[in-house]
């Protein structure tokens, strides 16, 4: 099994978020907890469903990543776009906040 993280969208704002190891949801893929194996994937999925029930996120799903310098990197085109933000203009979305700290998770 490849490395996985879980991603979703915040229910109210719609922002793409990733589940961090401390149980918070972060806007930054770098903060995401990476797991390898069915047990870890099942644990992430359960946390995602709990956040859906708690009306925090919608549409959680596992996404494949690779590890580079200890940080997750998206594999698929959709996930690369979700991680960086809109592709229409660099002054909007996450790329406009480039260099912003990934600290301060949500939830």
PDB file of N, CA and C in Angstrom:
ATOM      1  N   UNK A   1       0.848  -1.175   0.000  1.00  0.00           N
ATOM      2  CA  UNK A   1       0.000   0.000   0.000  1.00  0.00           C
ATOM      3  C   UNK A   1       0.895   1.239   0.000  1.00  0.00           C
ATOM      4  N   UNK A   2       0.502   2.240  -0.770  1.00  0.00           N
ATOM      5  CA  UNK A   2       1.274   3.478  -0.819  1.00  0.00           C
ATOM      6  C   UNK A   2       0.940   4.373   0.371  1.00  0.00           C
ATOM      7  N   UNK A   3       1.742   5.412   0.559  1.00  0.00           N
ATOM      8  CA  UNK A   3       1.468   6.374   1.617  1.00  0.00           C
ATOM      9  C   UNK A   3       0.166   7.101   1.333  1.00  0.00           C
ATOM     10  N   UNK A   4      -0.576   7.380   2.396  1.00  0.00           N
ATOM     11  CA  UNK A   4      -1.881   8.039   2.274  1.00  0.00           C
ATOM     12  C   UNK A   4      -1.982   9.170   3.288  1.00  0.00           C
ATOM     13  N   UNK A   5      -2.785  10.163   2.936  1.00  0.00           N
ATOM     14  CA  UNK A   5      -3.261  11.190   3.854  1.00  0.00           C
ATOM     15  C   UNK A   5      -4.759  11.272   3.626  1.00  0.00           C
ATOM     16  N   UNK A   6      -5.466  11.950   4.524  1.00  0.00           N
ATOM     17  CA  UNK A   6      -6.890  12.145   4.282  1.00  0.00           C
ATOM     18  C   UNK A   6      -7.145  13.631   4.080  1.00  0.00           C
ATOM     19  N   UNK A   7      -7.940  13.910   3.077  1.00  0.00           N
ATOM     20  CA  UNK A   7      -8.296  15.276   2.732  1.00  0.00           C
ATOM     21  C   UNK A   7      -9.814  15.403   2.717  1.00  0.00           C
ATOM     22  N   UNK A   8     -10.288  16.620   2.880  1.00  0.00           N
ATOM     23  CA  UNK A   8     -11.727  16.907   2.864  1.00  0.00           C
ATOM     24  C   UNK A   8     -11.890  18.395   2.569  1.00  0.00           C
ATOM     25  N   UNK A   9     -13.119  18.863   2.644  1.00  0.00           N
ATOM     26  CA  UNK A   9     -13.404  20.288   2.537  1.00  0.00           C
ATOM     27  C   UNK A   9     -14.104  20.737   3.805  1.00  0.00           C
ATOM     28  N   UNK A  10     -13.723  21.912   4.308  1.00  0.00           N
ATOM     29  CA  UNK A  10     -14.433  22.470   5.451  1.00  0.00           C
ATOM     30  C   UNK A  10     -15.889  22.691   5.071  1.00  0.00           C
ATOM     31  N   UNK A  11     -16.789  22.331   5.957  1.00  0.00           N
ATOM     32  CA  UNK A  11     -18.216  22.414   5.655  1.00  0.00           C
ATOM     33  C   UNK A  11     -18.653  23.839   5.382  1.00  0.00           C
ATOM     34  N   UNK A  12     -18.237  24.786   6.209  1.00  0.00           N
ATOM     35  CA  UNK A  12     -18.691  26.173   6.049  1.00  0.00           C
ATOM     36  C   UNK A  12     -17.948  26.927   4.961  1.00  0.00           C
ATOM     37  N   UNK A  13     -16.633  26.904   4.992  1.00  0.00           N
ATOM     38  CA  UNK A  13     -15.839  27.712   4.073  1.00  0.00           C
ATOM     39  C   UNK A  13     -15.576  27.042   2.736  1.00  0.00           C
ATOM     40  N   UNK A  14     -15.571  25.717   2.727  1.00  0.00           N
ATOM     41  CA  UNK A  14     -15.282  24.978   1.506  1.00  0.00           C
ATOM     42  C   UNK A  14     -13.801  24.762   1.255  1.00  0.00           C
ATOM     43  N   UNK A  15     -12.942  25.302   2.122  1.00  0.00           N
ATOM     44  CA  UNK A  15     -11.497  25.156   1.932  1.00  0.00           C
ATOM     45  C   UNK A  15     -11.076  23.696   1.975  1.00  0.00           C
ATOM     46  N   UNK A  16     -10.075  23.371   1.184  1.00  0.00           N
ATOM     47  CA  UNK A  16      -9.457  22.055   1.220  1.00  0.00           C
ATOM     48  C   UNK A  16      -8.635  21.959   2.494  1.00  0.00           C
ATOM     49  N   UNK A  17      -8.779  20.848   3.217  1.00  0.00           N
ATOM     50  CA  UNK A  17      -8.034  20.634   4.451  1.00  0.00           C
ATOM     51  C   UNK A  17      -7.489  19.212   4.509  1.00  0.00           C
ATOM     52  N   UNK A  18      -6.512  19.036   5.397  1.00  0.00           N
ATOM     53  CA  UNK A  18      -5.844  17.751   5.583  1.00  0.00           C
ATOM     54  C   UNK A  18      -5.793  17.448   7.074  1.00  0.00           C
ATOM     55  N   UNK A  19      -5.994  16.191   7.436  1.00  0.00           N
ATOM     56  CA  UNK A  19      -5.966  15.798   8.838  1.00  0.00           C
ATOM     57  C   UNK A  19      -4.524  15.682   9.317  1.00  0.00           C
ATOM     58  N   UNK A  20      -4.209  16.432  10.371  1.00  0.00           N
ATOM     59  CA  UNK A  20      -2.874  16.412  10.980  1.00  0.00           C
ATOM     60  C   UNK A  20      -2.814  15.337  12.063  1.00  0.00           C
ATOM     61  N   UNK A  21      -1.612  14.978  12.465  1.00  0.00           N
ATOM     62  CA  UNK A  21      -1.409  13.932  13.471  1.00  0.00           C
ATOM     63  C   UNK A  21      -2.039  14.288  14.814  1.00  0.00           C
ATOM     64  N   UNK A  22      -2.190  15.583  15.098  1.00  0.00           N
ATOM     65  CA  UNK A  22      -2.782  15.979  16.379  1.00  0.00           C
ATOM     66  C   UNK A  22      -4.314  16.004  16.339  1.00  0.00           C
ATOM     67  N   UNK A  23      -4.893  15.582  15.217  1.00  0.00           N
ATOM     68  CA  UNK A  23      -6.354  15.498  15.106  1.00  0.00           C
ATOM     69  C   UNK A  23      -7.020  16.758  14.609  1.00  0.00           C
ATOM     70  N   UNK A  24      -6.254  17.803  14.330  1.00  0.00           N
ATOM     71  CA  UNK A  24      -6.835  19.023  13.767  1.00  0.00           C
ATOM     72  C   UNK A  24      -6.814  18.936  12.247  1.00  0.00           C
ATOM     73  N   UNK A  25      -7.593  19.792  11.617  1.00  0.00           N
ATOM     74  CA  UNK A  25      -7.618  19.887  10.159  1.00  0.00           C
ATOM     75  C   UNK A  25      -6.834  21.126   9.765  1.00  0.00           C
ATOM     76  N   UNK A  26      -5.901  20.963   8.853  1.00  0.00           N
ATOM     77  CA  UNK A  26      -5.016  22.044   8.442  1.00  0.00           C
ATOM     78  C   UNK A  26      -5.233  22.387   6.973  1.00  0.00           C
ATOM     79  N   UNK A  27      -5.041  23.635   6.635  1.00  0.00           N
ATOM     80  CA  UNK A  27      -5.101  24.073   5.240  1.00  0.00           C
ATOM     81  C   UNK A  27      -3.891  23.593   4.441  1.00  0.00           C
ATOM     82  N   UNK A  28      -2.871  23.129   5.137  1.00  0.00           N
ATOM     83  CA  UNK A  28      -1.586  22.845   4.496  1.00  0.00           C
ATOM     84  C   UNK A  28      -1.288  21.352   4.438  1.00  0.00           C
ATOM     85  N   UNK A  29      -1.016  20.868   3.242  1.00  0.00           N
ATOM     86  CA  UNK A  29      -0.673  19.463   3.041  1.00  0.00           C
ATOM     87  C   UNK A  29       0.562  19.072   3.854  1.00  0.00           C
ATOM     88  N   UNK A  30       1.506  19.985   4.032  1.00  0.00           N
ATOM     89  CA  UNK A  30       2.712  19.687   4.816  1.00  0.00           C
ATOM     90  C   UNK A  30       2.382  19.237   6.236  1.00  0.00           C
ATOM     91  N   UNK A  31       1.229  19.637   6.759  1.00  0.00           N
ATOM     92  CA  UNK A  31       0.834  19.278   8.122  1.00  0.00           C
ATOM     93  C   UNK A  31       0.144  17.916   8.205  1.00  0.00           C
ATOM     94  N   UNK A  32      -0.203  17.344   7.065  1.00  0.00           N
ATOM     95  CA  UNK A  32      -0.988  16.111   7.050  1.00  0.00           C
ATOM     96  C   UNK A  32      -0.229  14.931   7.636  1.00  0.00           C
ATOM     97  N   UNK A  33      -0.962  14.103   8.352  1.00  0.00           N
ATOM     98  CA  UNK A  33      -0.403  12.849   8.862  1.00  0.00           C
ATOM     99  C   UNK A  33      -0.360  11.838   7.725  1.00  0.00           C
ATOM    100  N   UNK A  34       0.808  11.255   7.486  1.00  0.00           N
ATOM    101  CA  UNK A  34       0.962  10.220   6.466  1.00  0.00           C
ATOM    102  C   UNK A  34       0.901   8.850   7.128  1.00  0.00           C
ATOM    103  N   UNK A  35       0.213   7.935   6.494  1.00  0.00           N
ATOM    104  CA  UNK A  35       0.150   6.559   6.995  1.00  0.00           C
ATOM    105  C   UNK A  35       0.489   5.602   5.869  1.00  0.00           C
ATOM    106  N   UNK A  36       0.937   4.427   6.267  1.00  0.00           N
ATOM    107  CA  UNK A  36       1.252   3.357   5.329  1.00  0.00           C
ATOM    108  C   UNK A  36       0.612   2.093   5.880  1.00  0.00           C
ATOM    109  N   UNK A  37      -0.292   1.522   5.141  1.00  0.00           N
ATOM    110  CA  UNK A  37      -0.924   0.289   5.583  1.00  0.00           C
ATOM    111  C   UNK A  37      -2.407   0.456   5.820  1.00  0.00           C
ATOM    112  N   UNK A  38      -3.089  -0.681   5.821  1.00  0.00           N
ATOM    113  CA  UNK A  38      -4.550  -0.692   5.941  1.00  0.00           C
ATOM    114  C   UNK A  38      -5.029  -0.172   7.295  1.00  0.00           C
ATOM    115  N   UNK A  39      -4.314  -0.489   8.368  1.00  0.00           N
ATOM    116  CA  UNK A  39      -4.745  -0.035   9.697  1.00  0.00           C
ATOM    117  C   UNK A  39      -4.696   1.490   9.802  1.00  0.00           C
ATOM    118  N   UNK A  40      -3.614   2.083   9.331  1.00  0.00           N
ATOM    119  CA  UNK A  40      -3.492   3.535   9.360  1.00  0.00           C
ATOM    120  C   UNK A  40      -4.540   4.203   8.488  1.00  0.00           C
ATOM    121  N   UNK A  41      -4.781   3.632   7.314  1.00  0.00           N
ATOM    122  CA  UNK A  41      -5.791   4.182   6.409  1.00  0.00           C
ATOM    123  C   UNK A  41      -7.180   4.108   7.034  1.00  0.00           C
ATOM    124  N   UNK A  42      -7.481   3.007   7.686  1.00  0.00           N
ATOM    125  CA  UNK A  42      -8.785   2.855   8.344  1.00  0.00           C
ATOM    126  C   UNK A  42      -8.947   3.864   9.476  1.00  0.00           C
ATOM    127  N   UNK A  43      -7.871   4.123  10.208  1.00  0.00           N
ATOM    128  CA  UNK A  43      -7.921   5.104  11.293  1.00  0.00           C
ATOM    129  C   UNK A  43      -8.188   6.507  10.744  1.00  0.00           C
ATOM    130  N   UNK A  44      -7.515   6.863   9.640  1.00  0.00           N
ATOM    131  CA  UNK A  44      -7.753   8.173   9.028  1.00  0.00           C
ATOM    132  C   UNK A  44      -9.187   8.288   8.513  1.00  0.00           C
ATOM    133  N   UNK A  45      -9.677   7.238   7.883  1.00  0.00           N
ATOM    134  CA  UNK A  45     -11.053   7.263   7.375  1.00  0.00           C
ATOM    135  C   UNK A  45     -12.057   7.431   8.517  1.00  0.00           C
ATOM    136  N   UNK A  46     -11.819   6.747   9.626  1.00  0.00           N
ATOM    137  CA  UNK A  46     -12.713   6.877  10.786  1.00  0.00           C
ATOM    138  C   UNK A  46     -12.694   8.302  11.321  1.00  0.00           C
ATOM    139  N   UNK A  47     -11.518   8.923  11.364  1.00  0.00           N
ATOM    140  CA  UNK A  47     -11.421  10.319  11.821  1.00  0.00           C
ATOM    141  C   UNK A  47     -12.143  11.249  10.865  1.00  0.00           C
ATOM    142  N   UNK A  48     -12.049  10.964   9.580  1.00  0.00           N
ATOM    143  CA  UNK A  48     -12.766  11.767   8.589  1.00  0.00           C
ATOM    144  C   UNK A  48     -14.269  11.661   8.762  1.00  0.00           C
ATOM    145  N   UNK A  49     -14.766  10.458   8.970  1.00  0.00           N
ATOM    146  CA  UNK A  49     -16.207  10.265   9.159  1.00  0.00           C
ATOM    147  C   UNK A  49     -16.694  10.910  10.450  1.00  0.00           C
ATOM    148  N   UNK A  50     -15.864  10.872  11.490  1.00  0.00           N
ATOM    149  CA  UNK A  50     -16.219  11.543  12.749  1.00  0.00           C
ATOM    150  C   UNK A  50     -16.354  13.050  12.523  1.00  0.00           C
ATOM    151  N   UNK A  51     -15.464  13.622  11.713  1.00  0.00           N
ATOM    152  CA  UNK A  51     -15.527  15.056  11.418  1.00  0.00           C
ATOM    153  C   UNK A  51     -16.745  15.395  10.562  1.00  0.00           C
ATOM    154  N   UNK A  52     -17.172  14.463   9.722  1.00  0.00           N
ATOM    155  CA  UNK A  52     -18.406  14.665   8.943  1.00  0.00           C
ATOM    156  C   UNK A  52     -19.601  14.683   9.894  1.00  0.00           C
ATOM    157  N   UNK A  53     -19.658  13.715  10.791  1.00  0.00           N
ATOM    158  CA  UNK A  53     -20.742  13.640  11.772  1.00  0.00           C
ATOM    159  C   UNK A  53     -20.764  14.887  12.651  1.00  0.00           C
ATOM    160  N   UNK A  54     -19.599  15.419  12.964  1.00  0.00           N
ATOM    161  CA  UNK A  54     -19.483  16.624  13.780  1.00  0.00           C
ATOM    162  C   UNK A  54     -19.701  17.910  12.996  1.00  0.00           C
ATOM    163  N   UNK A  55     -20.076  17.781  11.729  1.00  0.00           N
ATOM    164  CA  UNK A  55     -20.378  18.925  10.854  1.00  0.00           C
ATOM    165  C   UNK A  55     -19.192  19.878  10.683  1.00  0.00           C
ATOM    166  N   UNK A  56     -17.989  19.311  10.641  1.00  0.00           N
ATOM    167  CA  UNK A  56     -16.787  20.118  10.426  1.00  0.00           C
ATOM    168  C   UNK A  56     -16.325  20.072   8.972  1.00  0.00           C
ATOM    169  N   UNK A  57     -16.342  18.864   8.374  1.00  0.00           N
ATOM    170  CA  UNK A  57     -15.894  18.698   6.990  1.00  0.00           C
ATOM    171  C   UNK A  57     -16.920  17.906   6.192  1.00  0.00           C
ATOM    172  N   UNK A  58     -16.726  17.949   4.867  1.00  0.00           N
ATOM    173  CA  UNK A  58     -17.512  17.106   3.966  1.00  0.00           C
ATOM    174  C   UNK A  58     -16.563  16.417   2.990  1.00  0.00           C
ATOM    175  N   UNK A  59     -16.985  15.287   2.488  1.00  0.00           N
ATOM    176  CA  UNK A  59     -16.269  14.589   1.433  1.00  0.00           C
ATOM    177  C   UNK A  59     -14.871  14.108   1.742  1.00  0.00           C
ATOM    178  N   UNK A  60     -14.601  13.591   2.943  1.00  0.00           N
ATOM    179  CA  UNK A  60     -13.237  13.124   3.202  1.00  0.00           C
ATOM    180  C   UNK A  60     -12.890  11.904   2.344  1.00  0.00           C
ATOM    181  N   UNK A  61     -11.647  11.868   1.889  1.00  0.00           N
ATOM    182  CA  UNK A  61     -11.178  10.689   1.162  1.00  0.00           C
ATOM    183  C   UNK A  61      -9.678  10.559   1.311  1.00  0.00           C
ATOM    184  N   UNK A  62      -9.208   9.326   1.192  1.00  0.00           N
ATOM    185  CA  UNK A  62      -7.779   9.049   1.251  1.00  0.00           C
ATOM    186  C   UNK A  62      -7.137   9.459  -0.065  1.00  0.00           C
ATOM    187  N   UNK A  63      -5.962  10.036   0.024  1.00  0.00           N
ATOM    188  CA  UNK A  63      -5.251  10.399  -1.190  1.00  0.00           C
ATOM    189  C   UNK A  63      -3.834   9.865  -1.121  1.00  0.00           C
ATOM    190  N   UNK A  64      -3.344   9.408  -2.263  1.00  0.00           N
ATOM    191  CA  UNK A  64      -1.985   8.883  -2.364  1.00  0.00           C
ATOM    192  C   UNK A  64      -0.986  10.028  -2.379  1.00  0.00           C
ATOM    193  N   UNK A  65       0.092   9.839  -1.633  1.00  0.00           N
ATOM    194  CA  UNK A  65       1.177  10.816  -1.601  1.00  0.00           C
ATOM    195  C   UNK A  65       2.514  10.081  -1.641  1.00  0.00           C
ATOM    196  N   UNK A  66       3.535  10.830  -1.974  1.00  0.00           N
ATOM    197  CA  UNK A  66       4.903  10.355  -1.795  1.00  0.00           C
ATOM    198  C   UNK A  66       5.504  11.201  -0.680  1.00  0.00           C
ATOM    199  N   UNK A  67       6.621  10.771  -0.177  1.00  0.00           N
ATOM    200  CA  UNK A  67       7.283  11.523   0.893  1.00  0.00           C
ATOM    201  C   UNK A  67       8.571  12.134   0.354  1.00  0.00           C
ATOM    202  N   UNK A  68       8.690  13.443   0.535  1.00  0.00           N
ATOM    203  CA  UNK A  68       9.879  14.169   0.128  1.00  0.00           C
ATOM    204  C   UNK A  68      10.351  15.017   1.291  1.00  0.00           C
ATOM    205  N   UNK A  69      11.546  14.768   1.760  1.00  0.00           N
ATOM    206  CA  UNK A  69      12.114  15.504   2.896  1.00  0.00           C
ATOM    207  C   UNK A  69      11.175  15.468   4.100  1.00  0.00           C
ATOM    208  N   UNK A  70      10.542  14.317   4.316  1.00  0.00           N
ATOM    209  CA  UNK A  70       9.657  14.138   5.464  1.00  0.00           C
ATOM    210  C   UNK A  70       8.281  14.756   5.315  1.00  0.00           C
ATOM    211  N   UNK A  71       7.975  15.272   4.130  1.00  0.00           N
ATOM    212  CA  UNK A  71       6.673  15.924   3.914  1.00  0.00           C
ATOM    213  C   UNK A  71       5.912  15.232   2.796  1.00  0.00           C
ATOM    214  N   UNK A  72       4.584  15.210   2.905  1.00  0.00           N
ATOM    215  CA  UNK A  72       3.789  14.580   1.850  1.00  0.00           C
ATOM    216  C   UNK A  72       3.756  15.437   0.593  1.00  0.00           C
ATOM    217  N   UNK A  73       3.824  14.775  -0.550  1.00  0.00           N
ATOM    218  CA  UNK A  73       3.703  15.435  -1.849  1.00  0.00           C
ATOM    219  C   UNK A  73       2.615  14.718  -2.642  1.00  0.00           C
ATOM    220  N   UNK A  74       1.653  15.475  -3.180  1.00  0.00           N
ATOM    221  CA  UNK A  74       0.555  14.842  -3.924  1.00  0.00           C
ATOM    222  C   UNK A  74       1.054  14.168  -5.195  1.00  0.00           C
ATOM    223  N   UNK A  75       0.372  13.104  -5.572  1.00  0.00           N
ATOM    224  CA  UNK A  75       0.740  12.367  -6.778  1.00  0.00           C
ATOM    225  C   UNK A  75      -0.125  12.805  -7.968  1.00  0.00           C
ATOM    226  N   UNK A  76      -1.416  12.817  -7.787  1.00  0.00           N
ATOM    227  CA  UNK A  76      -2.333  13.097  -8.891  1.00  0.00           C
ATOM    228  C   UNK A  76      -2.504  14.578  -9.177  1.00  0.00           C
ATOM    229  N   UNK A  77      -2.912  14.882 -10.392  1.00  0.00           N
ATOM    230  CA  UNK A  77      -3.126  16.266 -10.814  1.00  0.00           C
ATOM    231  C   UNK A  77      -4.193  16.940  -9.961  1.00  0.00           C
ATOM    232  N   UNK A  78      -5.304  16.261  -9.711  1.00  0.00           N
ATOM    233  CA  UNK A  78      -6.371  16.843  -8.891  1.00  0.00           C
ATOM    234  C   UNK A  78      -5.843  17.232  -7.513  1.00  0.00           C
ATOM    235  N   UNK A  79      -5.057  16.338  -6.916  1.00  0.00           N
ATOM    236  CA  UNK A  79      -4.543  16.601  -5.578  1.00  0.00           C
ATOM    237  C   UNK A  79      -3.496  17.717  -5.583  1.00  0.00           C
ATOM    238  N   UNK A  80      -2.726  17.828  -6.644  1.00  0.00           N
ATOM    239  CA  UNK A  80      -1.767  18.936  -6.757  1.00  0.00           C
ATOM    240  C   UNK A  80      -2.512  20.267  -6.800  1.00  0.00           C
ATOM    241  N   UNK A  81      -3.590  20.327  -7.538  1.00  0.00           N
ATOM    242  CA  UNK A  81      -4.395  21.550  -7.624  1.00  0.00           C
ATOM    243  C   UNK A  81      -5.053  21.842  -6.282  1.00  0.00           C
ATOM    244  N   UNK A  82      -5.615  20.818  -5.636  1.00  0.00           N
ATOM    245  CA  UNK A  82      -6.248  21.017  -4.329  1.00  0.00           C
ATOM    246  C   UNK A  82      -5.239  21.543  -3.305  1.00  0.00           C
ATOM    247  N   UNK A  83      -4.001  21.094  -3.385  1.00  0.00           N
ATOM    248  CA  UNK A  83      -2.981  21.511  -2.426  1.00  0.00           C
ATOM    249  C   UNK A  83      -2.540  22.962  -2.638  1.00  0.00           C
ATOM    250  N   UNK A  84      -2.543  23.430  -3.890  1.00  0.00           N
ATOM    251  CA  UNK A  84      -2.048  24.780  -4.182  1.00  0.00           C
ATOM    252  C   UNK A  84      -3.136  25.830  -4.275  1.00  0.00           C
ATOM    253  N   UNK A  85      -4.351  25.437  -4.580  1.00  0.00           N
ATOM    254  CA  UNK A  85      -5.424  26.415  -4.717  1.00  0.00           C
ATOM    255  C   UNK A  85      -5.802  26.626  -6.175  1.00  0.00           C
ATOM    256  N   UNK A  86      -6.607  27.643  -6.445  1.00  0.00           N
ATOM    257  CA  UNK A  86      -7.108  27.863  -7.803  1.00  0.00           C
ATOM    258  C   UNK A  86      -5.977  28.018  -8.813  1.00  0.00           C
ATOM    259  N   UNK A  87      -6.234  27.586 -10.033  1.00  0.00           N
ATOM    260  CA  UNK A  87      -5.229  27.668 -11.084  1.00  0.00           C
ATOM    261  C   UNK A  87      -5.398  28.921 -11.937  1.00  0.00           C
ATOM    262  N   UNK A  88      -6.334  29.772 -11.584  1.00  0.00           N
ATOM    263  CA  UNK A  88      -6.628  30.925 -12.430  1.00  0.00           C
ATOM    264  C   UNK A  88      -5.715  32.114 -12.211  1.00  0.00           C
ATOM    265  N   UNK A  89      -5.204  32.299 -11.020  1.00  0.00           N
ATOM    266  CA  UNK A  89      -4.384  33.475 -10.745  1.00  0.00           C
ATOM    267  C   UNK A  89      -3.570  33.242  -9.482  1.00  0.00           C
ATOM    268  N   UNK A  90      -2.308  33.590  -9.521  1.00  0.00           N
ATOM    269  CA  UNK A  90      -1.427  33.331  -8.382  1.00  0.00           C
ATOM    270  C   UNK A  90      -1.676  34.248  -7.193  1.00  0.00           C
ATOM    271  N   UNK A  91      -2.513  35.271  -7.351  1.00  0.00           N
ATOM    272  CA  UNK A  91      -2.807  36.178  -6.237  1.00  0.00           C
ATOM    273  C   UNK A  91      -3.990  35.705  -5.401  1.00  0.00           C
ATOM    274  N   UNK A  92      -4.528  34.539  -5.717  1.00  0.00           N
ATOM    275  CA  UNK A  92      -5.653  34.003  -4.975  1.00  0.00           C
ATOM    276  C   UNK A  92      -5.293  32.638  -4.401  1.00  0.00           C
ATOM    277  N   UNK A  93      -6.033  32.228  -3.406  1.00  0.00           N
ATOM    278  CA  UNK A  93      -5.864  30.890  -2.851  1.00  0.00           C
ATOM    279  C   UNK A  93      -4.582  30.716  -2.068  1.00  0.00           C
ATOM    280  N   UNK A  94      -4.216  29.478  -1.885  1.00  0.00           N
ATOM    281  CA  UNK A  94      -3.068  29.145  -1.053  1.00  0.00           C
ATOM    282  C   UNK A  94      -1.757  29.660  -1.609  1.00  0.00           C
ATOM    283  N   UNK A  95      -1.646  29.721  -2.943  1.00  0.00           N
ATOM    284  CA  UNK A  95      -0.381  30.200  -3.490  1.00  0.00           C
ATOM    285  C   UNK A  95      -0.156  31.673  -3.177  1.00  0.00           C
ATOM    286  N   UNK A  96      -1.213  32.436  -2.907  1.00  0.00           N
ATOM    287  CA  UNK A  96      -1.062  33.829  -2.511  1.00  0.00           C
ATOM    288  C   UNK A  96      -0.495  33.942  -1.096  1.00  0.00           C
ATOM    289  N   UNK A  97      -0.659  32.878  -0.315  1.00  0.00           N
ATOM    290  CA  UNK A  97      -0.153  32.857   1.056  1.00  0.00           C
ATOM    291  C   UNK A  97       1.175  32.111   1.154  1.00  0.00           C
ATOM    292  N   UNK A  98       1.855  31.929   0.035  1.00  0.00           N
ATOM    293  CA  UNK A  98       3.107  31.171   0.003  1.00  0.00           C
ATOM    294  C   UNK A  98       4.043  31.673   1.116  1.00  0.00           C
ATOM    295  N   UNK A  99       4.586  30.746   1.825  1.00  0.00           N
ATOM    296  CA  UNK A  99       5.474  31.093   2.915  1.00  0.00           C
ATOM    297  C   UNK A  99       4.769  31.264   4.238  1.00  0.00           C
ATOM    298  N   UNK A 100       3.415  31.268   4.202  1.00  0.00           N
ATOM    299  CA  UNK A 100       2.672  31.375   5.457  1.00  0.00           C
ATOM    300  C   UNK A 100       2.893  30.127   6.273  1.00  0.00           C
ATOM    301  N   UNK A 101       2.917  30.246   7.550  1.00  0.00           N
ATOM    302  CA  UNK A 101       3.137  29.108   8.442  1.00  0.00           C
ATOM    303  C   UNK A 101       1.995  28.126   8.335  1.00  0.00           C
ATOM    304  N   UNK A 102       2.306  26.866   8.356  1.00  0.00           N
ATOM    305  CA  UNK A 102       1.289  25.827   8.348  1.00  0.00           C
ATOM    306  C   UNK A 102       0.720  25.573   9.726  1.00  0.00           C
ATOM    307  N   UNK A 103       1.189  26.288  10.717  1.00  0.00           N
ATOM    308  CA  UNK A 103       0.740  26.072  12.095  1.00  0.00           C
ATOM    309  C   UNK A 103      -0.670  26.583  12.271  1.00  0.00           C
ATOM    310  N   UNK A 104      -1.316  26.101  13.287  1.00  0.00           N
ATOM    311  CA  UNK A 104      -2.659  26.599  13.606  1.00  0.00           C
ATOM    312  C   UNK A 104      -3.730  25.828  12.873  1.00  0.00           C
ATOM    313  N   UNK A 105      -3.845  24.550  13.171  1.00  0.00           N
ATOM    314  CA  UNK A 105      -4.854  23.718  12.525  1.00  0.00           C
ATOM    315  C   UNK A 105      -6.262  24.128  12.897  1.00  0.00           C
ATOM    316  N   UNK A 106      -7.188  23.469  12.256  1.00  0.00           N
ATOM    317  CA  UNK A 106      -8.600  23.762  12.431  1.00  0.00           C
ATOM    318  C   UNK A 106      -9.240  22.572  13.119  1.00  0.00           C
ATOM    319  N   UNK A 107     -10.075  22.815  14.093  1.00  0.00           N
ATOM    320  CA  UNK A 107     -10.836  21.746  14.723  1.00  0.00           C
ATOM    321  C   UNK A 107     -10.223  21.137  15.905  1.00  0.00           C
TER     322      UNK A 107
END
